[in-house]
Amino acid sequence: MSDLNTSYIWQGREDLEDGAKGLRWHQVIKNNNSHFTGSNACTLVGFECDKGVAANKGRTGASKGPNAIRDALANMAWHVSSSNVDLCDRGNVIASGSLEHAQQAYADQIEASLATSELVIGLGGGHEIAWGSFQGLEQHLHKNLRQGKPAKKIGIVNFDAHFDLRTPSPSASSGTPFRQIADHCTATGQSFEYACIGVAQPSNTKALFEYAKQQNVRYLLDIDCTAEAAIKLLKPMLLNIDELYLTICLDAFPASIAPGVSAPASLGISPQFVIQLIQWLADSQQSFHYNWQLADIAEMNPSFDIGNTTRKLAARLIFEILASHLISRQGL
């Protein structure tokens, strides 16, 4: 079984002397409230799980990641002036049973959140969150598919030092989610639209590179990561999809700023680069005709964080995702 934990208490600094202009995230978020009054709603869903990390022989502790990210989000300034923007926290899906059941329970929460929110952000947890996220998005799209219409095509952009295309051996792990998605796409007659940005060649075997080539995976090595190169890589895929799913593994960043992960990076990519791409992906929805409603942050492991730098980075990325989403919606 997998339970839903809604016990987290949002709290932090209050600048009451500044009134509405002094608000922070902990003062505006609604705990486990699925009813929204506005048109631009964002929902957070946590995945309290590191079963996949353990199965992948990584450093465990990521099950505590969602609440660590919330701690860092709580004191972030709330810059949204419109009263029709709701922020909601559904809580954490706890992996108290098998990984498979936990991922399905998380997928169900994602599906429910997508039905009421314009943007859903998952908080990990190991990168096994990705298989649950994909299933939740697919369930949502199928449920809302009009009869006689073709199924919507999902494209995945993953900022990660690893392909996470390992063969389940014998079971799934944090290193297998995109292999599981690829196998699912093959079994259901869908094309596998996957781009991995920030791949560290020393951290991925020759077998993984060969499988990526076989599956027509688009990828960019960490040493080649520029905005121009990433945009060139992503444009063909974005023109060919209907829905975008963005996932960010915190091990894509240098260990100096993201030590709190399962497998710290020796090189890594810059946060500025990723934020620039986040903004571009949000801005490109209209011109490339896709919808972006789902993102998640993976591999937050507070057991190995130093000076809270990793959780602060995760929170800043979420801040930028929401801000980019809201700005892009103004132009749609």
C-alpha atoms as a PDB file:
ATOM      1  CA  MET A   1       0.000   0.000   0.000  1.00  0.00           C
ATOM      2  CA  SER A   2       0.923   3.666  -0.384  1.00  0.00           C
ATOM      3  CA  ASP A   3      -0.464   6.317   1.930  1.00  0.00           C
ATOM      4  CA  LEU A   4      -0.917  10.061   1.486  1.00  0.00           C
ATOM      5  CA  ASN A   5       0.821  12.185   4.127  1.00  0.00           C
ATOM      6  CA  THR A   6      -0.683  15.662   4.466  1.00  0.00           C
ATOM      7  CA  SER A   7       0.827  16.519   7.853  1.00  0.00           C
ATOM      8  CA  TYR A   8       3.474  19.004   6.673  1.00  0.00           C
ATOM      9  CA  ILE A   9       2.991  22.426   8.278  1.00  0.00           C
ATOM     10  CA  TRP A  10       3.998  25.401   6.156  1.00  0.00           C
ATOM     11  CA  GLN A  11       5.611  28.095   8.287  1.00  0.00           C
ATOM     12  CA  GLY A  12       8.283  30.758   8.064  1.00  0.00           C
ATOM     13  CA  ARG A  13       9.129  34.425   8.294  1.00  0.00           C
ATOM     14  CA  GLU A  14       6.331  36.993   8.227  1.00  0.00           C
ATOM     15  CA  ASP A  15       6.802  40.627   7.189  1.00  0.00           C
ATOM     16  CA  LEU A  16       3.434  41.884   8.332  1.00  0.00           C
ATOM     17  CA  GLU A  17       4.497  45.517   8.046  1.00  0.00           C
ATOM     18  CA  ASP A  18       4.585  45.129   4.239  1.00  0.00           C
ATOM     19  CA  GLY A  19       1.054  43.784   3.910  1.00  0.00           C
ATOM     20  CA  ALA A  20       0.227  41.844   0.749  1.00  0.00           C
ATOM     21  CA  LYS A  21       3.526  42.889  -0.830  1.00  0.00           C
ATOM     22  CA  GLY A  22       5.451  41.105   1.899  1.00  0.00           C
ATOM     23  CA  LEU A  23       3.897  37.675   1.452  1.00  0.00           C
ATOM     24  CA  ARG A  24       5.922  34.477   1.179  1.00  0.00           C
ATOM     25  CA  TRP A  25       4.982  31.041  -0.139  1.00  0.00           C
ATOM     26  CA  HIS A  26       4.074  29.626   3.271  1.00  0.00           C
ATOM     27  CA  GLN A  27       1.470  32.383   3.680  1.00  0.00           C
ATOM     28  CA  VAL A  28      -0.391  31.768   0.416  1.00  0.00           C
ATOM     29  CA  ILE A  29      -0.284  27.997  -0.060  1.00  0.00           C
ATOM     30  CA  LYS A  30      -3.363  25.892   0.635  1.00  0.00           C
ATOM     31  CA  ASN A  31      -2.747  22.558   2.343  1.00  0.00           C
ATOM     32  CA  ASN A  32      -4.306  19.618   0.511  1.00  0.00           C
ATOM     33  CA  ASN A  33      -7.056  21.785  -0.958  1.00  0.00           C
ATOM     34  CA  SER A  34      -8.142  20.676  -4.420  1.00  0.00           C
ATOM     35  CA  HIS A  35     -10.684  23.478  -4.884  1.00  0.00           C
ATOM     36  CA  PHE A  36      -9.343  26.469  -6.790  1.00  0.00           C
ATOM     37  CA  THR A  37     -10.950  29.872  -7.183  1.00  0.00           C
ATOM     38  CA  GLY A  38      -8.616  31.148  -9.907  1.00  0.00           C
ATOM     39  CA  SER A  39      -7.617  30.251 -13.438  1.00  0.00           C
ATOM     40  CA  ASN A  40      -3.873  29.888 -12.831  1.00  0.00           C
ATOM     41  CA  ALA A  41      -3.519  27.192 -10.188  1.00  0.00           C
ATOM     42  CA  CYS A  42      -0.338  25.324  -9.259  1.00  0.00           C
ATOM     43  CA  THR A  43      -0.304  22.126  -7.230  1.00  0.00           C
ATOM     44  CA  LEU A  44       2.632  20.466  -5.454  1.00  0.00           C
ATOM     45  CA  VAL A  45       2.668  16.671  -5.046  1.00  0.00           C
ATOM     46  CA  GLY A  46       5.428  14.913  -3.116  1.00  0.00           C
ATOM     47  CA  PHE A  47       6.777  11.394  -3.673  1.00  0.00           C
ATOM     48  CA  GLU A  48       8.225  10.165  -0.384  1.00  0.00           C
ATOM     49  CA  CYS A  49      10.282   7.352  -1.829  1.00  0.00           C
ATOM     50  CA  ASP A  50      13.839   6.128  -2.267  1.00  0.00           C
ATOM     51  CA  LYS A  51      13.084   2.469  -2.949  1.00  0.00           C
ATOM     52  CA  GLY A  52      14.288   3.009  -6.506  1.00  0.00           C
ATOM     53  CA  VAL A  53      17.535   4.600  -5.288  1.00  0.00           C
ATOM     54  CA  ALA A  54      18.177   1.611  -3.012  1.00  0.00           C
ATOM     55  CA  ALA A  55      17.482  -0.786  -5.895  1.00  0.00           C
ATOM     56  CA  ASN A  56      19.947   1.209  -8.015  1.00  0.00           C
ATOM     57  CA  LYS A  57      22.631   0.880  -5.298  1.00  0.00           C
ATOM     58  CA  GLY A  58      22.612   4.640  -4.641  1.00  0.00           C
ATOM     59  CA  ARG A  59      22.802   6.662  -1.427  1.00  0.00           C
ATOM     60  CA  THR A  60      19.399   6.465   0.235  1.00  0.00           C
ATOM     61  CA  GLY A  61      17.659   9.335   1.977  1.00  0.00           C
ATOM     62  CA  ALA A  62      15.652  10.826  -0.888  1.00  0.00           C
ATOM     63  CA  SER A  63      12.375   9.873   0.811  1.00  0.00           C
ATOM     64  CA  LYS A  64      12.920  12.938   2.995  1.00  0.00           C
ATOM     65  CA  GLY A  65      13.415  15.132  -0.080  1.00  0.00           C
ATOM     66  CA  PRO A  66       9.885  16.496  -0.617  1.00  0.00           C
ATOM     67  CA  ASN A  67       9.628  18.129   2.808  1.00  0.00           C
ATOM     68  CA  ALA A  68      13.195  19.449   2.580  1.00  0.00           C
ATOM     69  CA  ILE A  69      12.203  21.209  -0.638  1.00  0.00           C
ATOM     70  CA  ARG A  70       9.096  22.600   1.068  1.00  0.00           C
ATOM     71  CA  ASP A  71      11.307  23.971   3.852  1.00  0.00           C
ATOM     72  CA  ALA A  72      13.295  25.889   1.242  1.00  0.00           C
ATOM     73  CA  LEU A  73      10.177  27.057  -0.619  1.00  0.00           C
ATOM     74  CA  ALA A  74       8.419  28.327   2.510  1.00  0.00           C
ATOM     75  CA  ASN A  75      10.340  31.596   2.843  1.00  0.00           C
ATOM     76  CA  MET A  76      10.525  32.407  -0.846  1.00  0.00           C
ATOM     77  CA  ALA A  77       8.889  35.721  -1.696  1.00  0.00           C
ATOM     78  CA  TRP A  78       5.486  35.535  -3.376  1.00  0.00           C
ATOM     79  CA  HIS A  79       5.618  37.883  -6.363  1.00  0.00           C
ATOM     80  CA  VAL A  80       2.228  37.104  -7.864  1.00  0.00           C
ATOM     81  CA  SER A  81       0.004  40.146  -7.521  1.00  0.00           C
ATOM     82  CA  SER A  82      -3.103  38.637  -9.119  1.00  0.00           C
ATOM     83  CA  SER A  83      -5.697  37.247  -6.726  1.00  0.00           C
ATOM     84  CA  ASN A  84      -6.753  34.517  -9.160  1.00  0.00           C
ATOM     85  CA  VAL A  85      -3.580  32.424  -8.731  1.00  0.00           C
ATOM     86  CA  ASP A  86      -3.980  29.593  -6.246  1.00  0.00           C
ATOM     87  CA  LEU A  87      -1.122  27.524  -4.856  1.00  0.00           C
ATOM     88  CA  CYS A  88      -1.962  24.116  -3.383  1.00  0.00           C
ATOM     89  CA  ASP A  89      -0.073  21.309  -1.655  1.00  0.00           C
ATOM     90  CA  ARG A  90      -1.622  17.837  -1.911  1.00  0.00           C
ATOM     91  CA  GLY A  91       0.966  16.271   0.407  1.00  0.00           C
ATOM     92  CA  ASN A  92       3.245  13.271  -0.099  1.00  0.00           C
ATOM     93  CA  VAL A  93       2.566   9.831  -1.484  1.00  0.00           C
ATOM     94  CA  ILE A  94       4.439   7.511   0.895  1.00  0.00           C
ATOM     95  CA  ALA A  95       5.986   4.376  -0.597  1.00  0.00           C
ATOM     96  CA  SER A  96       4.958   2.019   2.178  1.00  0.00           C
ATOM     97  CA  GLY A  97       4.537  -0.996  -0.108  1.00  0.00           C
ATOM     98  CA  SER A  98       6.159  -2.050  -3.363  1.00  0.00           C
ATOM     99  CA  LEU A  99       7.751   0.509  -5.679  1.00  0.00           C
ATOM    100  CA  GLU A 100       5.265  -0.393  -8.421  1.00  0.00           C
ATOM    101  CA  HIS A 101       2.271   0.309  -6.182  1.00  0.00           C
ATOM    102  CA  ALA A 102       3.840   3.526  -4.922  1.00  0.00           C
ATOM    103  CA  GLN A 103       4.408   4.765  -8.469  1.00  0.00           C
ATOM    104  CA  GLN A 104       0.803   3.981  -9.388  1.00  0.00           C
ATOM    105  CA  ALA A 105      -0.483   5.761  -6.275  1.00  0.00           C
ATOM    106  CA  TYR A 106       1.636   8.771  -7.172  1.00  0.00           C
ATOM    107  CA  ALA A 107       0.380   8.601 -10.778  1.00  0.00           C
ATOM    108  CA  ASP A 108      -3.195   8.715  -9.496  1.00  0.00           C
ATOM    109  CA  GLN A 109      -2.406  11.839  -7.454  1.00  0.00           C
ATOM    110  CA  ILE A 110      -0.798  13.457 -10.503  1.00  0.00           C
ATOM    111  CA  GLU A 111      -3.855  12.637 -12.611  1.00  0.00           C
ATOM    112  CA  ALA A 112      -6.180  14.145 -10.003  1.00  0.00           C
ATOM    113  CA  SER A 113      -4.022  17.263  -9.714  1.00  0.00           C
ATOM    114  CA  LEU A 114      -3.817  17.786 -13.472  1.00  0.00           C
ATOM    115  CA  ALA A 115      -7.616  17.776 -13.609  1.00  0.00           C
ATOM    116  CA  THR A 116      -7.799  20.856 -11.374  1.00  0.00           C
ATOM    117  CA  SER A 117      -4.507  22.664 -11.970  1.00  0.00           C
ATOM    118  CA  GLU A 118      -2.855  24.401 -14.882  1.00  0.00           C
ATOM    119  CA  LEU A 119       0.547  23.399 -13.511  1.00  0.00           C
ATOM    120  CA  VAL A 120       1.557  20.419 -11.360  1.00  0.00           C
ATOM    121  CA  ILE A 121       5.038  20.134  -9.837  1.00  0.00           C
ATOM    122  CA  GLY A 122       6.265  16.864  -8.328  1.00  0.00           C
ATOM    123  CA  LEU A 123       8.699  16.820  -5.417  1.00  0.00           C
ATOM    124  CA  GLY A 124      11.095  13.868  -5.208  1.00  0.00           C
ATOM    125  CA  GLY A 125      12.229  11.518  -3.990  1.00  0.00           C
ATOM    126  CA  GLY A 126      14.326   9.349  -6.293  1.00  0.00           C
ATOM    127  CA  HIS A 127      14.069   9.597 -10.059  1.00  0.00           C
ATOM    128  CA  GLU A 128      11.696   6.650 -10.014  1.00  0.00           C
ATOM    129  CA  ILE A 129       9.221   9.539  -9.710  1.00  0.00           C
ATOM    130  CA  ALA A 130       9.430   9.873 -13.520  1.00  0.00           C
ATOM    131  CA  TRP A 131       7.584   6.635 -14.306  1.00  0.00           C
ATOM    132  CA  GLY A 132       4.786   7.699 -11.951  1.00  0.00           C
ATOM    133  CA  SER A 133       4.678  11.205 -13.438  1.00  0.00           C
ATOM    134  CA  PHE A 134       4.465   9.890 -16.993  1.00  0.00           C
ATOM    135  CA  GLN A 135       1.687   7.450 -16.081  1.00  0.00           C
ATOM    136  CA  GLY A 136      -0.267  10.197 -14.320  1.00  0.00           C
ATOM    137  CA  LEU A 137      -0.012  12.528 -17.305  1.00  0.00           C
ATOM    138  CA  GLU A 138      -1.002   9.770 -19.718  1.00  0.00           C
ATOM    139  CA  GLN A 139      -3.984   8.795 -17.551  1.00  0.00           C
ATOM    140  CA  HIS A 140      -5.097  12.434 -17.487  1.00  0.00           C
ATOM    141  CA  LEU A 141      -4.785  12.814 -21.250  1.00  0.00           C
ATOM    142  CA  HIS A 142      -6.646   9.565 -21.965  1.00  0.00           C
ATOM    143  CA  LYS A 143      -9.434  10.499 -19.571  1.00  0.00           C
ATOM    144  CA  ASN A 144      -9.942  13.801 -21.362  1.00  0.00           C
ATOM    145  CA  LEU A 145      -9.493  12.464 -24.892  1.00  0.00           C
ATOM    146  CA  ARG A 146     -12.427  13.202 -27.129  1.00  0.00           C
ATOM    147  CA  GLN A 147     -13.873  10.200 -28.911  1.00  0.00           C
ATOM    148  CA  GLY A 148     -12.392   9.715 -32.367  1.00  0.00           C
ATOM    149  CA  LYS A 149      -9.410  11.990 -31.698  1.00  0.00           C
ATOM    150  CA  PRO A 150      -5.835  10.659 -31.877  1.00  0.00           C
ATOM    151  CA  ALA A 151      -3.996  10.228 -28.579  1.00  0.00           C
ATOM    152  CA  LYS A 152      -1.858  13.170 -27.586  1.00  0.00           C
ATOM    153  CA  LYS A 153       1.887  12.696 -27.914  1.00  0.00           C
ATOM    154  CA  ILE A 154       4.024  13.275 -24.815  1.00  0.00           C
ATOM    155  CA  GLY A 155       7.561  14.601 -25.057  1.00  0.00           C
ATOM    156  CA  ILE A 156      10.023  14.365 -22.167  1.00  0.00           C
ATOM    157  CA  VAL A 157      12.843  16.789 -21.425  1.00  0.00           C
ATOM    158  CA  ASN A 158      15.162  15.516 -18.701  1.00  0.00           C
ATOM    159  CA  PHE A 159      18.021  17.547 -17.228  1.00  0.00           C
ATOM    160  CA  ASP A 160      20.196  14.770 -15.885  1.00  0.00           C
ATOM    161  CA  ALA A 161      23.744  13.435 -15.697  1.00  0.00           C
ATOM    162  CA  HIS A 162      22.309   9.971 -16.405  1.00  0.00           C
ATOM    163  CA  PHE A 163      20.110   8.566 -19.169  1.00  0.00           C
ATOM    164  CA  ASP A 164      18.194   6.459 -16.608  1.00  0.00           C
ATOM    165  CA  LEU A 165      17.606   3.950 -19.398  1.00  0.00           C
ATOM    166  CA  ARG A 166      18.851   0.905 -17.492  1.00  0.00           C
ATOM    167  CA  THR A 167      17.179  -2.462 -17.986  1.00  0.00           C
ATOM    168  CA  PRO A 168      15.194  -3.484 -14.872  1.00  0.00           C
ATOM    169  CA  SER A 169      17.391  -6.196 -13.362  1.00  0.00           C
ATOM    170  CA  PRO A 170      15.355  -7.814 -12.072  1.00  0.00           C
ATOM    171  CA  SER A 171      13.171  -4.981 -10.804  1.00  0.00           C
ATOM    172  CA  ALA A 172      12.716  -1.301 -11.540  1.00  0.00           C
ATOM    173  CA  SER A 173      14.871   1.362  -9.896  1.00  0.00           C
ATOM    174  CA  SER A 174      15.722   5.056 -10.060  1.00  0.00           C
ATOM    175  CA  GLY A 175      17.901   4.180 -13.051  1.00  0.00           C
ATOM    176  CA  THR A 176      15.130   2.577 -15.132  1.00  0.00           C
ATOM    177  CA  PRO A 177      12.185   5.029 -15.485  1.00  0.00           C
ATOM    178  CA  PHE A 178      12.816   6.135 -19.061  1.00  0.00           C
ATOM    179  CA  ARG A 179      13.488   2.544 -20.146  1.00  0.00           C
ATOM    180  CA  GLN A 180      10.095   1.682 -18.662  1.00  0.00           C
ATOM    181  CA  ILE A 181       8.518   4.565 -20.571  1.00  0.00           C
ATOM    182  CA  ALA A 182      10.269   3.481 -23.777  1.00  0.00           C
ATOM    183  CA  ASP A 183       9.011  -0.099 -23.351  1.00  0.00           C
ATOM    184  CA  HIS A 184       5.518   1.192 -22.624  1.00  0.00           C
ATOM    185  CA  CYS A 185       5.567   3.347 -25.760  1.00  0.00           C
ATOM    186  CA  THR A 186       6.654   0.354 -27.850  1.00  0.00           C
ATOM    187  CA  ALA A 187       3.938  -1.847 -26.358  1.00  0.00           C
ATOM    188  CA  THR A 188       1.224   0.762 -26.988  1.00  0.00           C
ATOM    189  CA  GLY A 189       2.377   1.855 -30.451  1.00  0.00           C
ATOM    190  CA  GLN A 190       3.548   5.313 -29.390  1.00  0.00           C
ATOM    191  CA  SER A 191       6.746   7.060 -30.359  1.00  0.00           C
ATOM    192  CA  PHE A 192       9.263   7.548 -27.561  1.00  0.00           C
ATOM    193  CA  GLU A 193      10.030  11.265 -27.486  1.00  0.00           C
ATOM    194  CA  TYR A 194      12.844  11.763 -24.992  1.00  0.00           C
ATOM    195  CA  ALA A 195      15.643  14.309 -24.663  1.00  0.00           C
ATOM    196  CA  CYS A 196      18.298  14.110 -21.946  1.00  0.00           C
ATOM    197  CA  ILE A 197      20.378  17.223 -21.355  1.00  0.00           C
ATOM    198  CA  GLY A 198      23.569  17.210 -19.273  1.00  0.00           C
ATOM    199  CA  VAL A 199      24.633  13.609 -19.811  1.00  0.00           C
ATOM    200  CA  ALA A 200      27.962  12.787 -18.157  1.00  0.00           C
ATOM    201  CA  GLN A 201      29.806  10.363 -20.418  1.00  0.00           C
ATOM    202  CA  PRO A 202      31.842   8.791 -17.565  1.00  0.00           C
ATOM    203  CA  SER A 203      28.619   8.013 -15.679  1.00  0.00           C
ATOM    204  CA  ASN A 204      26.847   6.162 -18.512  1.00  0.00           C
ATOM    205  CA  THR A 205      28.044   2.870 -19.967  1.00  0.00           C
ATOM    206  CA  LYS A 206      28.557   2.145 -23.634  1.00  0.00           C
ATOM    207  CA  ALA A 207      25.467  -0.073 -23.486  1.00  0.00           C
ATOM    208  CA  LEU A 208      23.359   2.902 -22.396  1.00  0.00           C
ATOM    209  CA  PHE A 209      24.679   5.099 -25.216  1.00  0.00           C
ATOM    210  CA  GLU A 210      23.948   2.325 -27.725  1.00  0.00           C
ATOM    211  CA  TYR A 211      20.417   1.874 -26.399  1.00  0.00           C
ATOM    212  CA  ALA A 212      19.860   5.651 -26.504  1.00  0.00           C
ATOM    213  CA  LYS A 213      20.944   5.661 -30.145  1.00  0.00           C
ATOM    214  CA  GLN A 214      18.691   2.691 -30.899  1.00  0.00           C
ATOM    215  CA  GLN A 215      15.697   4.541 -29.402  1.00  0.00           C
ATOM    216  CA  ASN A 216      16.547   7.830 -31.177  1.00  0.00           C
ATOM    217  CA  VAL A 217      17.044   9.580 -27.852  1.00  0.00           C
ATOM    218  CA  ARG A 218      18.131  13.178 -28.209  1.00  0.00           C
ATOM    219  CA  TYR A 219      20.900  14.036 -25.791  1.00  0.00           C
ATOM    220  CA  LEU A 220      23.477  16.679 -25.002  1.00  0.00           C
ATOM    221  CA  LEU A 221      26.659  15.960 -23.074  1.00  0.00           C
ATOM    222  CA  ASP A 222      27.407  18.107 -20.040  1.00  0.00           C
ATOM    223  CA  ILE A 223      30.523  19.527 -21.739  1.00  0.00           C
ATOM    224  CA  ASP A 224      28.395  20.693 -24.694  1.00  0.00           C
ATOM    225  CA  CYS A 225      25.583  22.380 -22.765  1.00  0.00           C
ATOM    226  CA  THR A 226      24.868  25.826 -24.163  1.00  0.00           C
ATOM    227  CA  ALA A 227      21.444  27.352 -24.657  1.00  0.00           C
ATOM    228  CA  GLU A 228      21.986  27.426 -28.416  1.00  0.00           C
ATOM    229  CA  ALA A 229      22.902  23.736 -28.571  1.00  0.00           C
ATOM    230  CA  ALA A 230      19.973  22.715 -26.357  1.00  0.00           C
ATOM    231  CA  ILE A 231      17.436  24.730 -28.343  1.00  0.00           C
ATOM    232  CA  LYS A 232      18.710  23.233 -31.597  1.00  0.00           C
ATOM    233  CA  LEU A 233      18.387  19.762 -30.074  1.00  0.00           C
ATOM    234  CA  LEU A 234      14.877  20.278 -28.715  1.00  0.00           C
ATOM    235  CA  LYS A 235      13.133  22.114 -31.548  1.00  0.00           C
ATOM    236  CA  PRO A 236      12.422  19.019 -33.727  1.00  0.00           C
ATOM    237  CA  MET A 237      10.911  17.137 -30.789  1.00  0.00           C
ATOM    238  CA  LEU A 238       8.800  20.059 -29.604  1.00  0.00           C
ATOM    239  CA  LEU A 239       7.338  20.428 -33.098  1.00  0.00           C
ATOM    240  CA  ASN A 240       6.264  16.782 -32.922  1.00  0.00           C
ATOM    241  CA  ILE A 241       4.531  16.636 -29.522  1.00  0.00           C
ATOM    242  CA  ASP A 242       1.308  17.791 -27.876  1.00  0.00           C
ATOM    243  CA  GLU A 243       2.282  17.665 -24.200  1.00  0.00           C
ATOM    244  CA  LEU A 244       5.600  18.378 -22.489  1.00  0.00           C
ATOM    245  CA  TYR A 245       6.792  16.716 -19.307  1.00  0.00           C
ATOM    246  CA  LEU A 246       9.876  18.337 -17.756  1.00  0.00           C
ATOM    247  CA  THR A 247      11.919  16.487 -15.155  1.00  0.00           C
ATOM    248  CA  ILE A 248      15.041  17.793 -13.433  1.00  0.00           C
ATOM    249  CA  CYS A 249      17.436  15.479 -11.618  1.00  0.00           C
ATOM    250  CA  LEU A 250      19.463  17.432  -9.090  1.00  0.00           C
ATOM    251  CA  ASP A 251      22.526  15.290  -9.822  1.00  0.00           C
ATOM    252  CA  ALA A 252      22.793  17.180 -13.117  1.00  0.00           C
ATOM    253  CA  PHE A 253      24.354  20.073 -11.172  1.00  0.00           C
ATOM    254  CA  PRO A 254      27.904  20.353  -9.761  1.00  0.00           C
ATOM    255  CA  ALA A 255      28.439  18.650  -6.410  1.00  0.00           C
ATOM    256  CA  SER A 256      29.573  21.984  -4.999  1.00  0.00           C
ATOM    257  CA  ILE A 257      26.029  23.356  -5.226  1.00  0.00           C
ATOM    258  CA  ALA A 258      24.069  20.074  -5.210  1.00  0.00           C
ATOM    259  CA  PRO A 259      25.804  17.674  -2.808  1.00  0.00           C
ATOM    260  CA  GLY A 260      22.514  16.334  -1.463  1.00  0.00           C
ATOM    261  CA  VAL A 261      21.837  13.757  -4.164  1.00  0.00           C
ATOM    262  CA  SER A 262      22.230  10.019  -4.683  1.00  0.00           C
ATOM    263  CA  ALA A 263      25.189  10.373  -7.082  1.00  0.00           C
ATOM    264  CA  PRO A 264      26.972  13.765  -6.953  1.00  0.00           C
ATOM    265  CA  ALA A 265      28.298  15.139 -10.241  1.00  0.00           C
ATOM    266  CA  SER A 266      32.015  15.713 -10.777  1.00  0.00           C
ATOM    267  CA  LEU A 267      31.314  18.391 -13.423  1.00  0.00           C
ATOM    268  CA  GLY A 268      27.616  19.196 -13.860  1.00  0.00           C
ATOM    269  CA  ILE A 269      25.706  21.914 -15.671  1.00  0.00           C
ATOM    270  CA  SER A 270      24.900  25.418 -14.471  1.00  0.00           C
ATOM    271  CA  PRO A 271      21.591  26.450 -12.885  1.00  0.00           C
ATOM    272  CA  GLN A 272      21.569  29.566 -15.088  1.00  0.00           C
ATOM    273  CA  PHE A 273      21.614  27.352 -18.187  1.00  0.00           C
ATOM    274  CA  VAL A 274      18.688  25.269 -16.917  1.00  0.00           C
ATOM    275  CA  ILE A 275      16.666  28.337 -15.910  1.00  0.00           C
ATOM    276  CA  GLN A 276      17.237  29.877 -19.340  1.00  0.00           C
ATOM    277  CA  LEU A 277      15.876  26.682 -20.928  1.00  0.00           C
ATOM    278  CA  ILE A 278      12.916  26.610 -18.525  1.00  0.00           C
ATOM    279  CA  GLN A 279      11.977  30.115 -19.623  1.00  0.00           C
ATOM    280  CA  TRP A 280      12.410  29.208 -23.292  1.00  0.00           C
ATOM    281  CA  LEU A 281      10.268  26.068 -22.948  1.00  0.00           C
ATOM    282  CA  ALA A 282       7.493  28.094 -21.333  1.00  0.00           C
ATOM    283  CA  ASP A 283       7.696  30.833 -23.966  1.00  0.00           C
ATOM    284  CA  SER A 284       7.736  28.333 -26.865  1.00  0.00           C
ATOM    285  CA  GLN A 285       4.380  26.684 -26.156  1.00  0.00           C
ATOM    286  CA  GLN A 286       2.416  28.913 -28.492  1.00  0.00           C
ATOM    287  CA  SER A 287       4.873  28.895 -31.396  1.00  0.00           C
ATOM    288  CA  PHE A 288       5.479  25.129 -31.250  1.00  0.00           C
ATOM    289  CA  HIS A 289       1.863  24.250 -30.366  1.00  0.00           C
ATOM    290  CA  TYR A 290       2.388  22.113 -27.278  1.00  0.00           C
ATOM    291  CA  ASN A 291       1.070  22.325 -23.727  1.00  0.00           C
ATOM    292  CA  TRP A 292       3.281  22.211 -20.641  1.00  0.00           C
ATOM    293  CA  GLN A 293       1.430  21.267 -17.456  1.00  0.00           C
ATOM    294  CA  LEU A 294       3.751  18.876 -15.577  1.00  0.00           C
ATOM    295  CA  ALA A 295       7.242  19.096 -14.097  1.00  0.00           C
ATOM    296  CA  ASP A 296       9.117  17.456 -11.234  1.00  0.00           C
ATOM    297  CA  ILE A 297      12.362  17.687  -9.279  1.00  0.00           C
ATOM    298  CA  ALA A 298      14.142  14.401  -8.492  1.00  0.00           C
ATOM    299  CA  GLU A 299      16.911  13.048  -6.240  1.00  0.00           C
ATOM    300  CA  MET A 300      16.718  15.559  -3.387  1.00  0.00           C
ATOM    301  CA  ASN A 301      18.560  13.812  -0.552  1.00  0.00           C
ATOM    302  CA  PRO A 302      18.749  15.986   2.587  1.00  0.00           C
ATOM    303  CA  SER A 303      20.927  13.404   4.384  1.00  0.00           C
ATOM    304  CA  PHE A 304      23.903  14.546   2.294  1.00  0.00           C
ATOM    305  CA  ASP A 305      23.012  18.204   1.816  1.00  0.00           C
ATOM    306  CA  ILE A 306      25.562  20.780   2.962  1.00  0.00           C
ATOM    307  CA  GLY A 307      24.396  24.201   4.098  1.00  0.00           C
ATOM    308  CA  ASN A 308      20.954  23.424   2.626  1.00  0.00           C
ATOM    309  CA  THR A 309      22.350  24.322  -0.818  1.00  0.00           C
ATOM    310  CA  THR A 310      20.667  21.464  -2.696  1.00  0.00           C
ATOM    311  CA  ARG A 311      17.184  22.096  -1.329  1.00  0.00           C
ATOM    312  CA  LYS A 312      17.601  25.831  -1.985  1.00  0.00           C
ATOM    313  CA  LEU A 313      18.529  25.053  -5.592  1.00  0.00           C
ATOM    314  CA  ALA A 314      15.476  22.793  -5.941  1.00  0.00           C
ATOM    315  CA  ALA A 315      13.248  25.529  -4.547  1.00  0.00           C
ATOM    316  CA  ARG A 316      14.712  28.143  -6.884  1.00  0.00           C
ATOM    317  CA  LEU A 317      14.062  25.883  -9.881  1.00  0.00           C
ATOM    318  CA  ILE A 318      10.438  25.459  -8.797  1.00  0.00           C
ATOM    319  CA  PHE A 319      10.162  29.223  -8.319  1.00  0.00           C
ATOM    320  CA  GLU A 320      11.400  29.736 -11.900  1.00  0.00           C
ATOM    321  CA  ILE A 321       9.106  27.054 -13.331  1.00  0.00           C
ATOM    322  CA  LEU A 322       6.031  28.679 -11.794  1.00  0.00           C
ATOM    323  CA  ALA A 323       7.129  32.197 -12.738  1.00  0.00           C
ATOM    324  CA  SER A 324       7.794  31.145 -16.353  1.00  0.00           C
ATOM    325  CA  HIS A 325       4.450  29.366 -16.498  1.00  0.00           C
ATOM    326  CA  LEU A 326       2.554  32.424 -15.290  1.00  0.00           C
ATOM    327  CA  ILE A 327       4.366  34.764 -17.684  1.00  0.00           C
ATOM    328  CA  SER A 328       3.728  32.451 -20.644  1.00  0.00           C
ATOM    329  CA  ARG A 329       0.030  32.170 -19.784  1.00  0.00           C
ATOM    330  CA  GLN A 330      -0.290  35.944 -20.064  1.00  0.00           C
ATOM    331  CA  GLY A 331       0.709  35.683 -23.691  1.00  0.00           C
ATOM    332  CA  LEU A 332      -1.544  32.755 -24.621  1.00  0.00           C
END
